[in-house]
mmCIF file of all heavy atoms, coordinates in Angstrom:
data_MODEL
# 
_entry.id   MODEL 
# 
loop_
_atom_site.group_PDB 
_atom_site.id 
_atom_site.type_symbol 
_atom_site.label_atom_id 
_atom_site.label_alt_id 
_atom_site.label_comp_id 
_atom_site.label_asym_id 
_atom_site.label_entity_id 
_atom_site.label_seq_id 
_atom_site.pdbx_PDB_ins_code 
_atom_site.Cartn_x 
_atom_site.Cartn_y 
_atom_site.Cartn_z 
_atom_site.occupancy 
_atom_site.B_iso_or_equiv 
_atom_site.pdbx_formal_charge 
_atom_site.auth_seq_id 
_atom_site.auth_comp_id 
_atom_site.auth_asym_id 
_atom_site.auth_atom_id 
_atom_site.pdbx_PDB_model_num 
ATOM 1   N N   . ILE A 1 1  ? -116.753 -58.065 26.051 1.00 0.00 ? 1  ILE A N   1 
ATOM 2   C CA  . ILE A 1 1  ? -117.477 -56.916 26.607 1.00 0.00 ? 1  ILE A CA  1 
ATOM 3   C C   . ILE A 1 1  ? -118.976 -57.202 26.658 1.00 0.00 ? 1  ILE A C   1 
ATOM 4   O O   . ILE A 1 1  ? -119.652 -56.936 27.664 1.00 0.00 ? 1  ILE A O   1 
ATOM 5   C CB  . ILE A 1 1  ? -117.184 -55.649 25.793 1.00 0.00 ? 1  ILE A CB  1 
ATOM 6   C CG1 . ILE A 1 1  ? -115.720 -55.225 25.972 1.00 0.00 ? 1  ILE A CG1 1 
ATOM 7   C CG2 . ILE A 1 1  ? -118.133 -54.510 26.192 1.00 0.00 ? 1  ILE A CG2 1 
ATOM 8   C CD1 . ILE A 1 1  ? -115.286 -54.102 25.051 1.00 0.00 ? 1  ILE A CD1 1 
ATOM 9   N N   . GLU A 1 2  ? -119.510 -57.761 25.593 1.00 0.00 ? 2  GLU A N   1 
ATOM 10  C CA  . GLU A 1 2  ? -120.940 -58.093 25.563 1.00 0.00 ? 2  GLU A CA  1 
ATOM 11  C C   . GLU A 1 2  ? -121.299 -59.064 26.686 1.00 0.00 ? 2  GLU A C   1 
ATOM 12  O O   . GLU A 1 2  ? -122.316 -58.906 27.375 1.00 0.00 ? 2  GLU A O   1 
ATOM 13  C CB  . GLU A 1 2  ? -121.297 -58.691 24.208 1.00 0.00 ? 2  GLU A CB  1 
ATOM 14  C CG  . GLU A 1 2  ? -122.771 -59.002 24.041 1.00 0.00 ? 2  GLU A CG  1 
ATOM 15  C CD  . GLU A 1 2  ? -123.104 -59.515 22.650 1.00 0.00 ? 2  GLU A CD  1 
ATOM 16  O OE1 . GLU A 1 2  ? -122.270 -59.354 21.734 1.00 0.00 ? 2  GLU A OE1 1 
ATOM 17  O OE2 . GLU A 1 2  ? -124.207 -60.083 22.491 1.00 0.00 ? 2  GLU A OE2 1 
ATOM 18  N N   . LYS A 1 3  ? -120.451 -60.066 26.908 1.00 0.00 ? 3  LYS A N   1 
ATOM 19  C CA  . LYS A 1 3  ? -120.708 -61.047 27.960 1.00 0.00 ? 3  LYS A CA  1 
ATOM 20  C C   . LYS A 1 3  ? -120.621 -60.415 29.353 1.00 0.00 ? 3  LYS A C   1 
ATOM 21  O O   . LYS A 1 3  ? -121.374 -60.769 30.262 1.00 0.00 ? 3  LYS A O   1 
ATOM 22  C CB  . LYS A 1 3  ? -119.727 -62.206 27.849 1.00 0.00 ? 3  LYS A CB  1 
ATOM 23  C CG  . LYS A 1 3  ? -120.034 -63.184 26.731 1.00 0.00 ? 3  LYS A CG  1 
ATOM 24  C CD  . LYS A 1 3  ? -121.316 -63.950 27.025 1.00 0.00 ? 3  LYS A CD  1 
ATOM 25  C CE  . LYS A 1 3  ? -121.579 -65.004 25.967 1.00 0.00 ? 3  LYS A CE  1 
ATOM 26  N NZ  . LYS A 1 3  ? -122.848 -65.739 26.239 1.00 0.00 ? 3  LYS A NZ  1 
ATOM 27  N N   . ILE A 1 4  ? -119.686 -59.490 29.525 1.00 0.00 ? 4  ILE A N   1 
ATOM 28  C CA  . ILE A 1 4  ? -119.570 -58.803 30.815 1.00 0.00 ? 4  ILE A CA  1 
ATOM 29  C C   . ILE A 1 4  ? -120.867 -58.078 31.136 1.00 0.00 ? 4  ILE A C   1 
ATOM 30  O O   . ILE A 1 4  ? -121.371 -58.145 32.272 1.00 0.00 ? 4  ILE A O   1 
ATOM 31  C CB  . ILE A 1 4  ? -118.376 -57.830 30.798 1.00 0.00 ? 4  ILE A CB  1 
ATOM 32  C CG1 . ILE A 1 4  ? -117.048 -58.598 30.774 1.00 0.00 ? 4  ILE A CG1 1 
ATOM 33  C CG2 . ILE A 1 4  ? -118.428 -56.889 32.002 1.00 0.00 ? 4  ILE A CG2 1 
ATOM 34  C CD1 . ILE A 1 4  ? -115.833 -57.727 30.542 1.00 0.00 ? 4  ILE A CD1 1 
ATOM 35  N N   . TRP A 1 5  ? -121.425 -57.406 30.159 1.00 0.00 ? 5  TRP A N   1 
ATOM 36  C CA  . TRP A 1 5  ? -122.664 -56.664 30.393 1.00 0.00 ? 5  TRP A CA  1 
ATOM 37  C C   . TRP A 1 5  ? -123.842 -57.597 30.615 1.00 0.00 ? 5  TRP A C   1 
ATOM 38  O O   . TRP A 1 5  ? -124.806 -57.232 31.294 1.00 0.00 ? 5  TRP A O   1 
ATOM 39  C CB  . TRP A 1 5  ? -122.928 -55.702 29.237 1.00 0.00 ? 5  TRP A CB  1 
ATOM 40  C CG  . TRP A 1 5  ? -122.086 -54.468 29.375 1.00 0.00 ? 5  TRP A CG  1 
ATOM 41  C CD1 . TRP A 1 5  ? -120.789 -54.303 28.997 1.00 0.00 ? 5  TRP A CD1 1 
ATOM 42  C CD2 . TRP A 1 5  ? -122.473 -53.243 29.982 1.00 0.00 ? 5  TRP A CD2 1 
ATOM 43  N NE1 . TRP A 1 5  ? -120.347 -53.049 29.320 1.00 0.00 ? 5  TRP A NE1 1 
ATOM 44  C CE2 . TRP A 1 5  ? -121.359 -52.372 29.918 1.00 0.00 ? 5  TRP A CE2 1 
ATOM 45  C CE3 . TRP A 1 5  ? -123.656 -52.774 30.557 1.00 0.00 ? 5  TRP A CE3 1 
ATOM 46  C CZ2 . TRP A 1 5  ? -121.398 -51.074 30.435 1.00 0.00 ? 5  TRP A CZ2 1 
ATOM 47  C CZ3 . TRP A 1 5  ? -123.709 -51.493 31.064 1.00 0.00 ? 5  TRP A CZ3 1 
ATOM 48  C CH2 . TRP A 1 5  ? -122.581 -50.649 31.002 1.00 0.00 ? 5  TRP A CH2 1 
ATOM 49  N N   . GLU A 1 6  ? -123.776 -58.806 30.076 1.00 0.00 ? 6  GLU A N   1 
ATOM 50  C CA  . GLU A 1 6  ? -124.827 -59.787 30.328 1.00 0.00 ? 6  GLU A CA  1 
ATOM 51  C C   . GLU A 1 6  ? -124.724 -60.388 31.730 1.00 0.00 ? 6  GLU A C   1 
ATOM 52  O O   . GLU A 1 6  ? -125.735 -60.616 32.404 1.00 0.00 ? 6  GLU A O   1 
ATOM 53  C CB  . GLU A 1 6  ? -124.740 -60.934 29.306 1.00 0.00 ? 6  GLU A CB  1 
ATOM 54  C CG  . GLU A 1 6  ? -125.167 -60.575 27.899 1.00 0.00 ? 6  GLU A CG  1 
ATOM 55  C CD  . GLU A 1 6  ? -124.988 -61.746 26.954 1.00 0.00 ? 6  GLU A CD  1 
ATOM 56  O OE1 . GLU A 1 6  ? -124.667 -62.864 27.419 1.00 0.00 ? 6  GLU A OE1 1 
ATOM 57  O OE2 . GLU A 1 6  ? -125.173 -61.546 25.735 1.00 0.00 ? 6  GLU A OE2 1 
ATOM 58  N N   . LYS A 1 7  ? -123.507 -60.640 32.191 1.00 0.00 ? 7  LYS A N   1 
ATOM 59  C CA  . LYS A 1 7  ? -123.289 -61.406 33.420 1.00 0.00 ? 7  LYS A CA  1 
ATOM 60  C C   . LYS A 1 7  ? -123.229 -60.551 34.675 1.00 0.00 ? 7  LYS A C   1 
ATOM 61  O O   . LYS A 1 7  ? -123.536 -61.036 35.767 1.00 0.00 ? 7  LYS A O   1 
ATOM 62  C CB  . LYS A 1 7  ? -121.992 -62.216 33.304 1.00 0.00 ? 7  LYS A CB  1 
ATOM 63  C CG  . LYS A 1 7  ? -122.007 -63.280 32.233 1.00 0.00 ? 7  LYS A CG  1 
ATOM 64  C CD  . LYS A 1 7  ? -120.697 -64.023 32.155 1.00 0.00 ? 7  LYS A CD  1 
ATOM 65  C CE  . LYS A 1 7  ? -120.465 -64.885 33.377 1.00 0.00 ? 7  LYS A CE  1 
ATOM 66  N NZ  . LYS A 1 7  ? -119.308 -65.795 33.213 1.00 0.00 ? 7  LYS A NZ  1 
ATOM 67  N N   . CYS A 1 8  ? -122.787 -59.311 34.554 1.00 0.00 ? 8  CYS A N   1 
ATOM 68  C CA  . CYS A 1 8  ? -122.539 -58.482 35.730 1.00 0.00 ? 8  CYS A CA  1 
ATOM 69  C C   . CYS A 1 8  ? -123.636 -57.439 35.916 1.00 0.00 ? 8  CYS A C   1 
ATOM 70  O O   . CYS A 1 8  ? -124.312 -57.046 34.965 1.00 0.00 ? 8  CYS A O   1 
ATOM 71  C CB  . CYS A 1 8  ? -121.192 -57.768 35.593 1.00 0.00 ? 8  CYS A CB  1 
ATOM 72  S SG  . CYS A 1 8  ? -119.782 -58.873 35.451 1.00 0.00 ? 8  CYS A SG  1 
ATOM 73  N N   . ASN A 1 9  ? -123.803 -56.992 37.139 1.00 0.00 ? 9  ASN A N   1 
ATOM 74  C CA  . ASN A 1 9  ? -124.696 -55.885 37.435 1.00 0.00 ? 9  ASN A CA  1 
ATOM 75  C C   . ASN A 1 9  ? -123.957 -54.585 37.132 1.00 0.00 ? 9  ASN A C   1 
ATOM 76  O O   . ASN A 1 9  ? -123.142 -54.128 37.929 1.00 0.00 ? 9  ASN A O   1 
ATOM 77  C CB  . ASN A 1 9  ? -125.117 -55.936 38.900 1.00 0.00 ? 9  ASN A CB  1 
ATOM 78  C CG  . ASN A 1 9  ? -125.999 -54.759 39.291 1.00 0.00 ? 9  ASN A CG  1 
ATOM 79  O OD1 . ASN A 1 9  ? -126.330 -53.906 38.471 1.00 0.00 ? 9  ASN A OD1 1 
ATOM 80  N ND2 . ASN A 1 9  ? -126.375 -54.698 40.558 1.00 0.00 ? 9  ASN A ND2 1 
ATOM 81  N N   . MET A 1 10 ? -124.248 -54.021 35.976 1.00 0.00 ? 10 MET A N   1 
ATOM 82  C CA  . MET A 1 10 ? -123.498 -52.862 35.510 1.00 0.00 ? 10 MET A CA  1 
ATOM 83  C C   . MET A 1 10 ? -124.244 -51.551 35.725 1.00 0.00 ? 10 MET A C   1 
ATOM 84  O O   . MET A 1 10 ? -123.979 -50.558 35.047 1.00 0.00 ? 10 MET A O   1 
ATOM 85  C CB  . MET A 1 10 ? -123.155 -53.039 34.019 1.00 0.00 ? 10 MET A CB  1 
ATOM 86  C CG  . MET A 1 10 ? -122.400 -54.317 33.707 1.00 0.00 ? 10 MET A CG  1 
ATOM 87  S SD  . MET A 1 10 ? -120.793 -54.420 34.537 1.00 0.00 ? 10 MET A SD  1 
ATOM 88  C CE  . MET A 1 10 ? -119.818 -53.339 33.484 1.00 0.00 ? 10 MET A CE  1 
ATOM 89  N N   . ASN A 1 11 ? -125.175 -51.538 36.680 1.00 0.00 ? 11 ASN A N   1 
ATOM 90  C CA  . ASN A 1 11 ? -125.895 -50.303 36.990 1.00 0.00 ? 11 ASN A CA  1 
ATOM 91  C C   . ASN A 1 11 ? -124.911 -49.195 37.373 1.00 0.00 ? 11 ASN A C   1 
ATOM 92  O O   . ASN A 1 11 ? -123.941 -49.419 38.093 1.00 0.00 ? 11 ASN A O   1 
ATOM 93  C CB  . ASN A 1 11 ? -126.865 -50.530 38.156 1.00 0.00 ? 11 ASN A CB  1 
ATOM 94  C CG  . ASN A 1 11 ? -128.019 -51.433 37.780 1.00 0.00 ? 11 ASN A CG  1 
ATOM 95  O OD1 . ASN A 1 11 ? -128.310 -51.610 36.600 1.00 0.00 ? 11 ASN A OD1 1 
ATOM 96  N ND2 . ASN A 1 11 ? -128.664 -52.016 38.774 1.00 0.00 ? 11 ASN A ND2 1 
ATOM 97  N N   . ASN A 1 12 ? -125.196 -48.000 36.850 1.00 0.00 ? 12 ASN A N   1 
ATOM 98  C CA  . ASN A 1 12 ? -124.408 -46.797 37.147 1.00 0.00 ? 12 ASN A CA  1 
ATOM 99  C C   . ASN A 1 12 ? -122.983 -46.877 36.600 1.00 0.00 ? 12 ASN A C   1 
ATOM 100 O O   . ASN A 1 12 ? -122.083 -46.196 37.105 1.00 0.00 ? 12 ASN A O   1 
ATOM 101 C CB  . ASN A 1 12 ? -124.371 -46.524 38.654 1.00 0.00 ? 12 ASN A CB  1 
ATOM 102 C CG  . ASN A 1 12 ? -125.751 -46.352 39.253 1.00 0.00 ? 12 ASN A CG  1 
ATOM 103 O OD1 . ASN A 1 12 ? -126.599 -45.675 38.671 1.00 0.00 ? 12 ASN A OD1 1 
ATOM 104 N ND2 . ASN A 1 12 ? -125.991 -46.970 40.402 1.00 0.00 ? 12 ASN A ND2 1 
ATOM 105 N N   . ILE A 1 13 ? -122.773 -47.692 35.588 1.00 0.00 ? 13 ILE A N   1 
ATOM 106 C CA  . ILE A 1 13 ? -121.474 -47.781 34.922 1.00 0.00 ? 13 ILE A CA  1 
ATOM 107 C C   . ILE A 1 13 ? -121.654 -47.389 33.466 1.00 0.00 ? 13 ILE A C   1 
ATOM 108 O O   . ILE A 1 13 ? -122.535 -47.899 32.774 1.00 0.00 ? 13 ILE A O   1 
ATOM 109 C CB  . ILE A 1 13 ? -120.879 -49.196 35.033 1.00 0.00 ? 13 ILE A CB  1 
ATOM 110 C CG1 . ILE A 1 13 ? -120.596 -49.538 36.497 1.00 0.00 ? 13 ILE A CG1 1 
ATOM 111 C CG2 . ILE A 1 13 ? -119.585 -49.312 34.216 1.00 0.00 ? 13 ILE A CG2 1 
ATOM 112 C CD1 . ILE A 1 13 ? -120.193 -50.964 36.738 1.00 0.00 ? 13 ILE A CD1 1 
ATOM 113 N N   . SER A 1 14 ? -120.828 -46.489 32.983 1.00 0.00 ? 14 SER A N   1 
ATOM 114 C CA  . SER A 1 14 ? -120.964 -45.989 31.617 1.00 0.00 ? 14 SER A CA  1 
ATOM 115 C C   . SER A 1 14 ? -120.383 -46.976 30.610 1.00 0.00 ? 14 SER A C   1 
ATOM 116 O O   . SER A 1 14 ? -119.234 -47.420 30.768 1.00 0.00 ? 14 SER A O   1 
ATOM 117 C CB  . SER A 1 14 ? -120.242 -44.643 31.467 1.00 0.00 ? 14 SER A CB  1 
ATOM 118 O OG  . SER A 1 14 ? -120.200 -44.255 30.110 1.00 0.00 ? 14 SER A OG  1 
ATOM 119 N N   . PRO A 1 15 ? -121.134 -47.296 29.561 1.00 0.00 ? 15 PRO A N   1 
ATOM 120 C CA  . PRO A 1 15 ? -120.579 -48.133 28.492 1.00 0.00 ? 15 PRO A CA  1 
ATOM 121 C C   . PRO A 1 15 ? -119.369 -47.512 27.821 1.00 0.00 ? 15 PRO A C   1 
ATOM 122 O O   . PRO A 1 15 ? -118.562 -48.218 27.203 1.00 0.00 ? 15 PRO A O   1 
ATOM 123 C CB  . PRO A 1 15 ? -121.749 -48.264 27.498 1.00 0.00 ? 15 PRO A CB  1 
ATOM 124 C CG  . PRO A 1 15 ? -122.971 -47.950 28.294 1.00 0.00 ? 15 PRO A CG  1 
ATOM 125 C CD  . PRO A 1 15 ? -122.541 -46.951 29.326 1.00 0.00 ? 15 PRO A CD  1 
ATOM 126 N N   . GLU A 1 16 ? -119.232 -46.199 27.953 1.00 0.00 ? 16 GLU A N   1 
ATOM 127 C CA  . GLU A 1 16 ? -118.114 -45.504 27.308 1.00 0.00 ? 16 GLU A CA  1 
ATOM 128 C C   . GLU A 1 16 ? -116.768 -45.857 27.935 1.00 0.00 ? 16 GLU A C   1 
ATOM 129 O O   . GLU A 1 16 ? -115.716 -45.569 27.344 1.00 0.00 ? 16 GLU A O   1 
ATOM 130 C CB  . GLU A 1 16 ? -118.341 -43.991 27.344 1.00 0.00 ? 16 GLU A CB  1 
ATOM 131 C CG  . GLU A 1 16 ? -119.532 -43.551 26.510 1.00 0.00 ? 16 GLU A CG  1 
ATOM 132 C CD  . GLU A 1 16 ? -119.717 -42.047 26.513 1.00 0.00 ? 16 GLU A CD  1 
ATOM 133 O OE1 . GLU A 1 16 ? -118.889 -41.349 27.164 1.00 0.00 ? 16 GLU A OE1 1 
ATOM 134 O OE2 . GLU A 1 16 ? -120.665 -41.560 25.881 1.00 0.00 ? 16 GLU A OE2 1 
ATOM 135 N N   . LEU A 1 17 ? -116.781 -46.484 29.095 1.00 0.00 ? 17 LEU A N   1 
ATOM 136 C CA  . LEU A 1 17 ? -115.523 -46.920 29.700 1.00 0.00 ? 17 LEU A CA  1 
ATOM 137 C C   . LEU A 1 17 ? -114.912 -48.092 28.957 1.00 0.00 ? 17 LEU A C   1 
ATOM 138 O O   . LEU A 1 17 ? -113.708 -48.353 29.079 1.00 0.00 ? 17 LEU A O   1 
ATOM 139 C CB  . LEU A 1 17 ? -115.756 -47.343 31.161 1.00 0.00 ? 17 LEU A CB  1 
ATOM 140 C CG  . LEU A 1 17 ? -116.146 -46.254 32.161 1.00 0.00 ? 17 LEU A CG  1 
ATOM 141 C CD1 . LEU A 1 17 ? -116.401 -46.869 33.526 1.00 0.00 ? 17 LEU A CD1 1 
ATOM 142 C CD2 . LEU A 1 17 ? -115.051 -45.191 32.248 1.00 0.00 ? 17 LEU A CD2 1 
ATOM 143 N N   . PHE A 1 18 ? -115.703 -48.807 28.168 1.00 0.00 ? 18 PHE A N   1 
ATOM 144 C CA  . PHE A 1 18 ? -115.251 -50.044 27.542 1.00 0.00 ? 18 PHE A CA  1 
ATOM 145 C C   . PHE A 1 18 ? -114.730 -49.795 26.127 1.00 0.00 ? 18 PHE A C   1 
ATOM 146 O O   . PHE A 1 18 ? -115.386 -49.134 25.318 1.00 0.00 ? 18 PHE A O   1 
ATOM 147 C CB  . PHE A 1 18 ? -116.392 -51.058 27.520 1.00 0.00 ? 18 PHE A CB  1 
ATOM 148 C CG  . PHE A 1 18 ? -116.685 -51.640 28.863 1.00 0.00 ? 18 PHE A CG  1 
ATOM 149 C CD1 . PHE A 1 18 ? -117.403 -50.920 29.811 1.00 0.00 ? 18 PHE A CD1 1 
ATOM 150 C CD2 . PHE A 1 18 ? -116.218 -52.900 29.203 1.00 0.00 ? 18 PHE A CD2 1 
ATOM 151 C CE1 . PHE A 1 18 ? -117.658 -51.445 31.066 1.00 0.00 ? 18 PHE A CE1 1 
ATOM 152 C CE2 . PHE A 1 18 ? -116.467 -53.438 30.459 1.00 0.00 ? 18 PHE A CE2 1 
ATOM 153 C CZ  . PHE A 1 18 ? -117.186 -52.710 31.381 1.00 0.00 ? 18 PHE A CZ  1 
ATOM 154 N N   . HIS A 1 19 ? -113.559 -50.350 25.864 1.00 0.00 ? 19 HIS A N   1 
ATOM 155 C CA  . HIS A 1 19 ? -112.896 -50.176 24.579 1.00 0.00 ? 19 HIS A CA  1 
ATOM 156 C C   . HIS A 1 19 ? -112.626 -51.548 23.965 1.00 0.00 ? 19 HIS A C   1 
ATOM 157 O O   . HIS A 1 19 ? -111.990 -52.399 24.586 1.00 0.00 ? 19 HIS A O   1 
ATOM 158 C CB  . HIS A 1 19 ? -111.580 -49.421 24.757 1.00 0.00 ? 19 HIS A CB  1 
ATOM 159 C CG  . HIS A 1 19 ? -111.749 -48.079 25.409 1.00 0.00 ? 19 HIS A CG  1 
ATOM 160 N ND1 . HIS A 1 19 ? -111.953 -46.922 24.705 1.00 0.00 ? 19 HIS A ND1 1 
ATOM 161 C CD2 . HIS A 1 19 ? -111.770 -47.724 26.726 1.00 0.00 ? 19 HIS A CD2 1 
ATOM 162 C CE1 . HIS A 1 19 ? -112.078 -45.907 25.540 1.00 0.00 ? 19 HIS A CE1 1 
ATOM 163 N NE2 . HIS A 1 19 ? -111.972 -46.379 26.774 1.00 0.00 ? 19 HIS A NE2 1 
ATOM 164 N N   . SER A 1 20 ? -113.104 -51.747 22.771 1.00 0.00 ? 20 SER A N   1 
ATOM 165 C CA  . SER A 1 20 ? -112.978 -53.045 22.101 1.00 0.00 ? 20 SER A CA  1 
ATOM 166 C C   . SER A 1 20 ? -111.598 -53.199 21.477 1.00 0.00 ? 20 SER A C   1 
ATOM 167 O O   . SER A 1 20 ? -111.111 -52.298 20.777 1.00 0.00 ? 20 SER A O   1 
ATOM 168 C CB  . SER A 1 20 ? -114.057 -53.170 21.021 1.00 0.00 ? 20 SER A CB  1 
ATOM 169 O OG  . SER A 1 20 ? -113.902 -54.354 20.293 1.00 0.00 ? 20 SER A OG  1 
ATOM 170 N N   . ILE A 1 21 ? -110.977 -54.332 21.741 1.00 0.00 ? 21 ILE A N   1 
ATOM 171 C CA  . ILE A 1 21 ? -109.683 -54.657 21.132 1.00 0.00 ? 21 ILE A CA  1 
ATOM 172 C C   . ILE A 1 21 ? -109.814 -56.003 20.415 1.00 0.00 ? 21 ILE A C   1 
ATOM 173 O O   . ILE A 1 21 ? -110.810 -56.720 20.574 1.00 0.00 ? 21 ILE A O   1 
ATOM 174 C CB  . ILE A 1 21 ? -108.545 -54.672 22.182 1.00 0.00 ? 21 ILE A CB  1 
ATOM 175 C CG1 . ILE A 1 21 ? -108.877 -55.604 23.372 1.00 0.00 ? 21 ILE A CG1 1 
ATOM 176 C CG2 . ILE A 1 21 ? -108.338 -53.267 22.733 1.00 0.00 ? 21 ILE A CG2 1 
ATOM 177 C CD1 . ILE A 1 21 ? -108.339 -56.977 23.283 1.00 0.00 ? 21 ILE A CD1 1 
ATOM 178 N N   . ARG A 1 22 ? -108.801 -56.359 19.642 1.00 0.00 ? 22 ARG A N   1 
ATOM 179 C CA  . ARG A 1 22 ? -108.834 -57.617 18.891 1.00 0.00 ? 22 ARG A CA  1 
ATOM 180 C C   . ARG A 1 22 ? -107.547 -58.392 19.114 1.00 0.00 ? 22 ARG A C   1 
ATOM 181 O O   . ARG A 1 22 ? -106.457 -57.798 19.169 1.00 0.00 ? 22 ARG A O   1 
ATOM 182 C CB  . ARG A 1 22 ? -109.026 -57.342 17.390 1.00 0.00 ? 22 ARG A CB  1 
ATOM 183 C CG  . ARG A 1 22 ? -110.335 -56.651 17.063 1.00 0.00 ? 22 ARG A CG  1 
ATOM 184 C CD  . ARG A 1 22 ? -110.471 -56.390 15.578 1.00 0.00 ? 22 ARG A CD  1 
ATOM 185 N NE  . ARG A 1 22 ? -110.516 -57.637 14.810 1.00 0.00 ? 22 ARG A NE  1 
ATOM 186 C CZ  . ARG A 1 22 ? -110.646 -57.704 13.491 1.00 0.00 ? 22 ARG A CZ  1 
ATOM 187 N NH1 . ARG A 1 22 ? -110.723 -56.579 12.778 1.00 0.00 ? 22 ARG A NH1 1 
ATOM 188 N NH2 . ARG A 1 22 ? -110.686 -58.868 12.883 1.00 0.00 ? 22 ARG A NH2 1 
ATOM 189 N N   . GLY A 1 23 ? -107.687 -59.704 19.240 1.00 0.00 ? 23 GLY A N   1 
ATOM 190 C CA  . GLY A 1 23 ? -106.514 -60.549 19.382 1.00 0.00 ? 23 GLY A CA  1 
ATOM 191 C C   . GLY A 1 23 ? -105.577 -60.403 18.204 1.00 0.00 ? 23 GLY A C   1 
ATOM 192 O O   . GLY A 1 23 ? -106.000 -60.412 17.053 1.00 0.00 ? 23 GLY A O   1 
ATOM 193 N N   . GLY A 1 24 ? -104.291 -60.231 18.506 1.00 0.00 ? 24 GLY A N   1 
ATOM 194 C CA  . GLY A 1 24 ? -103.296 -60.097 17.456 1.00 0.00 ? 24 GLY A CA  1 
ATOM 195 C C   . GLY A 1 24 ? -103.070 -58.682 16.977 1.00 0.00 ? 24 GLY A C   1 
ATOM 196 O O   . GLY A 1 24 ? -102.196 -58.449 16.128 1.00 0.00 ? 24 GLY A O   1 
ATOM 197 N N   . GLU A 1 25 ? -103.817 -57.697 17.525 1.00 0.00 ? 25 GLU A N   1 
ATOM 198 C CA  . GLU A 1 25 ? -103.657 -56.304 17.109 1.00 0.00 ? 25 GLU A CA  1 
ATOM 199 C C   . GLU A 1 25 ? -103.170 -55.475 18.290 1.00 0.00 ? 25 GLU A C   1 
ATOM 200 O O   . GLU A 1 25 ? -103.908 -55.229 19.249 1.00 0.00 ? 25 GLU A O   1 
ATOM 201 C CB  . GLU A 1 25 ? -104.974 -55.745 16.571 1.00 0.00 ? 25 GLU A CB  1 
ATOM 202 C CG  . GLU A 1 25 ? -105.443 -56.423 15.299 1.00 0.00 ? 25 GLU A CG  1 
ATOM 203 C CD  . GLU A 1 25 ? -106.686 -55.788 14.710 1.00 0.00 ? 25 GLU A CD  1 
ATOM 204 O OE1 . GLU A 1 25 ? -107.177 -54.776 15.269 1.00 0.00 ? 25 GLU A OE1 1 
ATOM 205 O OE2 . GLU A 1 25 ? -107.175 -56.310 13.695 1.00 0.00 ? 25 GLU A OE2 1 
# 
């Protein structure tokens, strides 16, 4: 998620749409 926000133009997109998950869970 952090890399997506670094690489993409995320203007007008709410960070609240993103949900963190973990491998194996």
